[in-house]
């Protein structure tokens, strides 16, 4: 649940040879399901754990919550409740910085900017964008994009499914080739 952890897991996956990953997979509970790798207390990390760490960039989501607390005002109650970004220009900067931070934290965890690590870092950044799209009243609103709630939520949900598929494919590729 962290861009930094996602990078670290990817680095660990690459440091383990395909043959040793296969041996661990065969000896792990449940056999080879989950394509495990070395690096945890149990000796395995499944693709689902990879997906969770990639798709929940907790560090930047936490910083985003702080920015929204400081940079917004809320008035009204119930359905009449409205949240207004008090400094939209600054909130746009915050949004871009947090996108870049999600990307950068992955690279720090991976300790590499080579090969598919750039794509994996982009997945962490895209996950943050999708989280801000799916929630009401976020820094994404400072971008000023006029879309209906339905379009915004559906783009985020479909995007999350596509990102999860990409994370799984990249993990399987790394397991097969050690990359």
C-alpha atoms as a PDB file:
ATOM      1  CA  UNK A   1       0.000   0.000   0.000  1.00  0.00           C
ATOM      2  CA  UNK A   2       2.815   2.277  -0.924  1.00  0.00           C
ATOM      3  CA  UNK A   3       4.663   3.468  -3.992  1.00  0.00           C
ATOM      4  CA  UNK A   4       7.920   3.014  -2.110  1.00  0.00           C
ATOM      5  CA  UNK A   5       7.000  -0.558  -1.140  1.00  0.00           C
ATOM      6  CA  UNK A   6       5.925  -1.340  -4.723  1.00  0.00           C
ATOM      7  CA  UNK A   7       9.373  -0.291  -5.929  1.00  0.00           C
ATOM      8  CA  UNK A   8      11.040  -2.365  -3.246  1.00  0.00           C
ATOM      9  CA  UNK A   9       8.993  -5.460  -4.129  1.00  0.00           C
ATOM     10  CA  UNK A  10       9.860  -5.034  -7.805  1.00  0.00           C
ATOM     11  CA  UNK A  11      13.547  -4.757  -6.918  1.00  0.00           C
ATOM     12  CA  UNK A  12      13.337  -7.915  -4.796  1.00  0.00           C
ATOM     13  CA  UNK A  13      11.554  -9.768  -7.571  1.00  0.00           C
ATOM     14  CA  UNK A  14      14.372  -8.883  -9.984  1.00  0.00           C
ATOM     15  CA  UNK A  15      17.056  -9.913  -7.508  1.00  0.00           C
ATOM     16  CA  UNK A  16      15.620 -13.423  -7.303  1.00  0.00           C
ATOM     17  CA  UNK A  17      16.336 -15.797 -10.172  1.00  0.00           C
ATOM     18  CA  UNK A  18      13.407 -17.359 -12.067  1.00  0.00           C
ATOM     19  CA  UNK A  19      14.551 -20.840 -10.948  1.00  0.00           C
ATOM     20  CA  UNK A  20      14.554 -19.956  -7.244  1.00  0.00           C
ATOM     21  CA  UNK A  21      11.156 -18.242  -7.638  1.00  0.00           C
ATOM     22  CA  UNK A  22       9.786 -21.438  -9.193  1.00  0.00           C
ATOM     23  CA  UNK A  23      11.169 -23.533  -6.348  1.00  0.00           C
ATOM     24  CA  UNK A  24       9.603 -21.189  -3.782  1.00  0.00           C
ATOM     25  CA  UNK A  25       6.311 -21.235  -5.678  1.00  0.00           C
ATOM     26  CA  UNK A  26       6.198 -25.012  -5.698  1.00  0.00           C
ATOM     27  CA  UNK A  27       6.962 -25.230  -1.986  1.00  0.00           C
ATOM     28  CA  UNK A  28       4.561 -22.434  -0.989  1.00  0.00           C
ATOM     29  CA  UNK A  29       1.073 -23.245   0.290  1.00  0.00           C
ATOM     30  CA  UNK A  30      -1.186 -23.515  -2.737  1.00  0.00           C
ATOM     31  CA  UNK A  31       1.592 -24.430  -5.164  1.00  0.00           C
ATOM     32  CA  UNK A  32       2.483 -22.032  -7.960  1.00  0.00           C
ATOM     33  CA  UNK A  33      -0.629 -19.837  -7.767  1.00  0.00           C
ATOM     34  CA  UNK A  34       0.209 -16.215  -7.087  1.00  0.00           C
ATOM     35  CA  UNK A  35       3.684 -16.333  -8.671  1.00  0.00           C
ATOM     36  CA  UNK A  36       5.567 -15.783  -5.393  1.00  0.00           C
ATOM     37  CA  UNK A  37       8.987 -14.231  -4.986  1.00  0.00           C
ATOM     38  CA  UNK A  38      11.556 -13.947  -2.228  1.00  0.00           C
ATOM     39  CA  UNK A  39      11.591 -11.102   0.205  1.00  0.00           C
ATOM     40  CA  UNK A  40       9.001 -11.482   2.956  1.00  0.00           C
ATOM     41  CA  UNK A  41       8.774 -13.351   6.213  1.00  0.00           C
ATOM     42  CA  UNK A  42       7.037 -16.234   4.460  1.00  0.00           C
ATOM     43  CA  UNK A  43       9.389 -16.123   1.480  1.00  0.00           C
ATOM     44  CA  UNK A  44       6.734 -15.199  -1.068  1.00  0.00           C
ATOM     45  CA  UNK A  45       4.910 -12.170  -2.454  1.00  0.00           C
ATOM     46  CA  UNK A  46       1.973 -12.746  -4.750  1.00  0.00           C
ATOM     47  CA  UNK A  47       0.895 -10.692  -7.724  1.00  0.00           C
ATOM     48  CA  UNK A  48      -2.084  -9.546  -5.644  1.00  0.00           C
ATOM     49  CA  UNK A  49       0.266  -8.044  -3.078  1.00  0.00           C
ATOM     50  CA  UNK A  50       2.103  -6.346  -5.933  1.00  0.00           C
ATOM     51  CA  UNK A  51      -1.184  -4.942  -7.211  1.00  0.00           C
ATOM     52  CA  UNK A  52      -2.213  -3.672  -3.788  1.00  0.00           C
ATOM     53  CA  UNK A  53       1.069  -1.853  -3.241  1.00  0.00           C
ATOM     54  CA  UNK A  54       0.964  -0.399  -6.756  1.00  0.00           C
ATOM     55  CA  UNK A  55      -2.660   0.728  -6.724  1.00  0.00           C
ATOM     56  CA  UNK A  56      -2.788   2.281  -3.241  1.00  0.00           C
ATOM     57  CA  UNK A  57      -0.088   4.994  -3.156  1.00  0.00           C
ATOM     58  CA  UNK A  58      -0.646   5.617   0.545  1.00  0.00           C
ATOM     59  CA  UNK A  59       2.105   8.218   1.018  1.00  0.00           C
ATOM     60  CA  UNK A  60       0.715  10.619  -1.559  1.00  0.00           C
ATOM     61  CA  UNK A  61      -2.904   9.928  -0.599  1.00  0.00           C
ATOM     62  CA  UNK A  62      -2.027  10.955   2.959  1.00  0.00           C
ATOM     63  CA  UNK A  63      -0.307  14.126   1.770  1.00  0.00           C
ATOM     64  CA  UNK A  64      -3.301  14.816  -0.458  1.00  0.00           C
ATOM     65  CA  UNK A  65      -5.600  14.604   2.581  1.00  0.00           C
ATOM     66  CA  UNK A  66      -3.450  17.181   4.368  1.00  0.00           C
ATOM     67  CA  UNK A  67      -3.535  19.514   1.343  1.00  0.00           C
ATOM     68  CA  UNK A  68      -7.309  19.195   1.063  1.00  0.00           C
ATOM     69  CA  UNK A  69      -7.751  19.952   4.766  1.00  0.00           C
ATOM     70  CA  UNK A  70      -5.675  23.112   4.487  1.00  0.00           C
ATOM     71  CA  UNK A  71      -6.706  24.235   0.987  1.00  0.00           C
ATOM     72  CA  UNK A  72     -10.497  23.910   1.088  1.00  0.00           C
ATOM     73  CA  UNK A  73     -13.534  25.229   2.914  1.00  0.00           C
ATOM     74  CA  UNK A  74     -16.796  23.372   3.362  1.00  0.00           C
ATOM     75  CA  UNK A  75     -20.186  24.928   3.969  1.00  0.00           C
ATOM     76  CA  UNK A  76     -23.741  23.677   4.315  1.00  0.00           C
ATOM     77  CA  UNK A  77     -25.064  20.360   5.526  1.00  0.00           C
ATOM     78  CA  UNK A  78     -26.438  17.187   4.000  1.00  0.00           C
ATOM     79  CA  UNK A  79     -26.987  17.318   0.238  1.00  0.00           C
ATOM     80  CA  UNK A  80     -26.472  21.084   0.283  1.00  0.00           C
ATOM     81  CA  UNK A  81     -22.903  20.655   1.503  1.00  0.00           C
ATOM     82  CA  UNK A  82     -20.256  22.137  -0.807  1.00  0.00           C
ATOM     83  CA  UNK A  83     -16.488  22.075  -0.687  1.00  0.00           C
ATOM     84  CA  UNK A  84     -14.550  24.850  -2.378  1.00  0.00           C
ATOM     85  CA  UNK A  85     -10.841  24.819  -3.169  1.00  0.00           C
ATOM     86  CA  UNK A  86      -9.682  28.144  -1.756  1.00  0.00           C
ATOM     87  CA  UNK A  87      -6.480  28.406  -3.810  1.00  0.00           C
ATOM     88  CA  UNK A  88      -7.036  26.499  -7.086  1.00  0.00           C
ATOM     89  CA  UNK A  89      -3.726  27.560  -8.682  1.00  0.00           C
ATOM     90  CA  UNK A  90      -1.738  26.307  -5.710  1.00  0.00           C
ATOM     91  CA  UNK A  91      -3.847  23.136  -5.529  1.00  0.00           C
ATOM     92  CA  UNK A  92      -3.007  22.393  -9.177  1.00  0.00           C
ATOM     93  CA  UNK A  93       0.674  22.640  -8.270  1.00  0.00           C
ATOM     94  CA  UNK A  94       0.099  20.352  -5.263  1.00  0.00           C
ATOM     95  CA  UNK A  95      -1.665  17.843  -7.523  1.00  0.00           C
ATOM     96  CA  UNK A  96       1.205  17.764 -10.038  1.00  0.00           C
ATOM     97  CA  UNK A  97       3.807  17.518  -7.264  1.00  0.00           C
ATOM     98  CA  UNK A  98       1.946  14.565  -5.713  1.00  0.00           C
ATOM     99  CA  UNK A  99       1.734  12.790  -9.084  1.00  0.00           C
ATOM    100  CA  UNK A 100       5.488  13.236  -9.524  1.00  0.00           C
ATOM    101  CA  UNK A 101       6.106  12.171  -5.931  1.00  0.00           C
ATOM    102  CA  UNK A 102       4.218   8.889  -6.434  1.00  0.00           C
ATOM    103  CA  UNK A 103       6.405   8.235  -9.486  1.00  0.00           C
ATOM    104  CA  UNK A 104       9.581   9.200  -7.638  1.00  0.00           C
ATOM    105  CA  UNK A 105       8.824   7.128  -4.551  1.00  0.00           C
ATOM    106  CA  UNK A 106       8.459   4.039  -6.715  1.00  0.00           C
ATOM    107  CA  UNK A 107      11.877   4.714  -8.282  1.00  0.00           C
ATOM    108  CA  UNK A 108      13.453   5.221  -4.853  1.00  0.00           C
ATOM    109  CA  UNK A 109      12.051   1.876  -3.695  1.00  0.00           C
ATOM    110  CA  UNK A 110      13.146   0.159  -6.905  1.00  0.00           C
ATOM    111  CA  UNK A 111      16.586   1.794  -6.742  1.00  0.00           C
ATOM    112  CA  UNK A 112      16.554   1.857 -10.538  1.00  0.00           C
ATOM    113  CA  UNK A 113      15.404   3.998 -13.448  1.00  0.00           C
ATOM    114  CA  UNK A 114      16.070   1.323 -16.054  1.00  0.00           C
ATOM    115  CA  UNK A 115      13.855  -0.921 -18.129  1.00  0.00           C
ATOM    116  CA  UNK A 116      10.285  -1.376 -17.012  1.00  0.00           C
ATOM    117  CA  UNK A 117      10.787   0.543 -13.767  1.00  0.00           C
ATOM    118  CA  UNK A 118       9.732   3.758 -15.503  1.00  0.00           C
ATOM    119  CA  UNK A 119       6.457   2.126 -16.531  1.00  0.00           C
ATOM    120  CA  UNK A 120       5.911   0.755 -13.031  1.00  0.00           C
ATOM    121  CA  UNK A 121       6.548   4.225 -11.599  1.00  0.00           C
ATOM    122  CA  UNK A 122       3.999   5.654 -14.025  1.00  0.00           C
ATOM    123  CA  UNK A 123       1.492   3.088 -12.732  1.00  0.00           C
ATOM    124  CA  UNK A 124       1.946   4.394  -9.178  1.00  0.00           C
ATOM    125  CA  UNK A 125       1.416   7.969 -10.405  1.00  0.00           C
ATOM    126  CA  UNK A 126      -1.643   6.985 -12.460  1.00  0.00           C
ATOM    127  CA  UNK A 127      -3.102   5.182  -9.445  1.00  0.00           C
ATOM    128  CA  UNK A 128      -2.951   8.430  -7.464  1.00  0.00           C
ATOM    129  CA  UNK A 129      -4.723  10.289 -10.279  1.00  0.00           C
ATOM    130  CA  UNK A 130      -7.447   7.623 -10.391  1.00  0.00           C
ATOM    131  CA  UNK A 131      -7.953   7.788  -6.619  1.00  0.00           C
ATOM    132  CA  UNK A 132      -8.477  11.543  -6.863  1.00  0.00           C
ATOM    133  CA  UNK A 133     -10.890  11.092  -9.762  1.00  0.00           C
ATOM    134  CA  UNK A 134     -13.105   8.590  -7.956  1.00  0.00           C
ATOM    135  CA  UNK A 135     -13.525  10.671  -4.804  1.00  0.00           C
ATOM    136  CA  UNK A 136     -15.569  13.872  -4.601  1.00  0.00           C
ATOM    137  CA  UNK A 137     -13.802  17.127  -3.773  1.00  0.00           C
ATOM    138  CA  UNK A 138     -10.132  16.384  -4.430  1.00  0.00           C
ATOM    139  CA  UNK A 139      -7.144  18.180  -5.887  1.00  0.00           C
ATOM    140  CA  UNK A 140      -8.173  16.712  -9.243  1.00  0.00           C
ATOM    141  CA  UNK A 141     -11.013  19.267  -9.198  1.00  0.00           C
ATOM    142  CA  UNK A 142      -8.431  22.065  -9.326  1.00  0.00           C
ATOM    143  CA  UNK A 143      -7.605  20.978 -12.876  1.00  0.00           C
ATOM    144  CA  UNK A 144     -10.963  22.432 -13.931  1.00  0.00           C
ATOM    145  CA  UNK A 145     -11.956  19.537 -16.199  1.00  0.00           C
ATOM    146  CA  UNK A 146     -15.682  19.611 -16.852  1.00  0.00           C
ATOM    147  CA  UNK A 147     -16.991  16.038 -16.756  1.00  0.00           C
ATOM    148  CA  UNK A 148     -20.068  14.449 -15.287  1.00  0.00           C
ATOM    149  CA  UNK A 149     -19.722  12.387 -12.125  1.00  0.00           C
ATOM    150  CA  UNK A 150     -20.616   9.276 -14.117  1.00  0.00           C
ATOM    151  CA  UNK A 151     -17.835   9.802 -16.657  1.00  0.00           C
ATOM    152  CA  UNK A 152     -15.311  10.711 -13.971  1.00  0.00           C
ATOM    153  CA  UNK A 153     -16.061   7.644 -11.840  1.00  0.00           C
ATOM    154  CA  UNK A 154     -16.251   5.235 -14.783  1.00  0.00           C
ATOM    155  CA  UNK A 155     -12.917   6.448 -16.203  1.00  0.00           C
ATOM    156  CA  UNK A 156     -11.374   5.914 -12.760  1.00  0.00           C
ATOM    157  CA  UNK A 157     -12.889   2.457 -12.275  1.00  0.00           C
ATOM    158  CA  UNK A 158     -11.988   1.204 -15.752  1.00  0.00           C
ATOM    159  CA  UNK A 159      -8.553   2.783 -15.358  1.00  0.00           C
ATOM    160  CA  UNK A 160      -8.037   0.933 -12.072  1.00  0.00           C
ATOM    161  CA  UNK A 161      -8.918  -2.379 -13.716  1.00  0.00           C
ATOM    162  CA  UNK A 162      -6.470  -1.662 -16.541  1.00  0.00           C
ATOM    163  CA  UNK A 163      -3.738  -0.670 -14.082  1.00  0.00           C
ATOM    164  CA  UNK A 164      -4.293  -3.861 -12.089  1.00  0.00           C
ATOM    165  CA  UNK A 165      -3.962  -5.899 -15.285  1.00  0.00           C
ATOM    166  CA  UNK A 166      -0.771  -4.012 -16.173  1.00  0.00           C
ATOM    167  CA  UNK A 167       0.717  -4.614 -12.701  1.00  0.00           C
ATOM    168  CA  UNK A 168      -0.070  -8.313 -12.966  1.00  0.00           C
ATOM    169  CA  UNK A 169       1.419  -8.553 -16.476  1.00  0.00           C
ATOM    170  CA  UNK A 170       4.589  -6.730 -15.384  1.00  0.00           C
ATOM    171  CA  UNK A 171       4.967  -8.990 -12.335  1.00  0.00           C
ATOM    172  CA  UNK A 172       4.551 -12.106 -14.471  1.00  0.00           C
ATOM    173  CA  UNK A 173       7.049 -10.760 -17.013  1.00  0.00           C
ATOM    174  CA  UNK A 174       9.551 -10.059 -14.243  1.00  0.00           C
ATOM    175  CA  UNK A 175       9.003 -13.538 -12.791  1.00  0.00           C
ATOM    176  CA  UNK A 176       9.536 -15.190 -16.161  1.00  0.00           C
ATOM    177  CA  UNK A 177      12.570 -13.184 -17.214  1.00  0.00           C
ATOM    178  CA  UNK A 178      13.999 -11.819 -14.008  1.00  0.00           C
ATOM    179  CA  UNK A 179      13.450  -8.259 -15.284  1.00  0.00           C
END
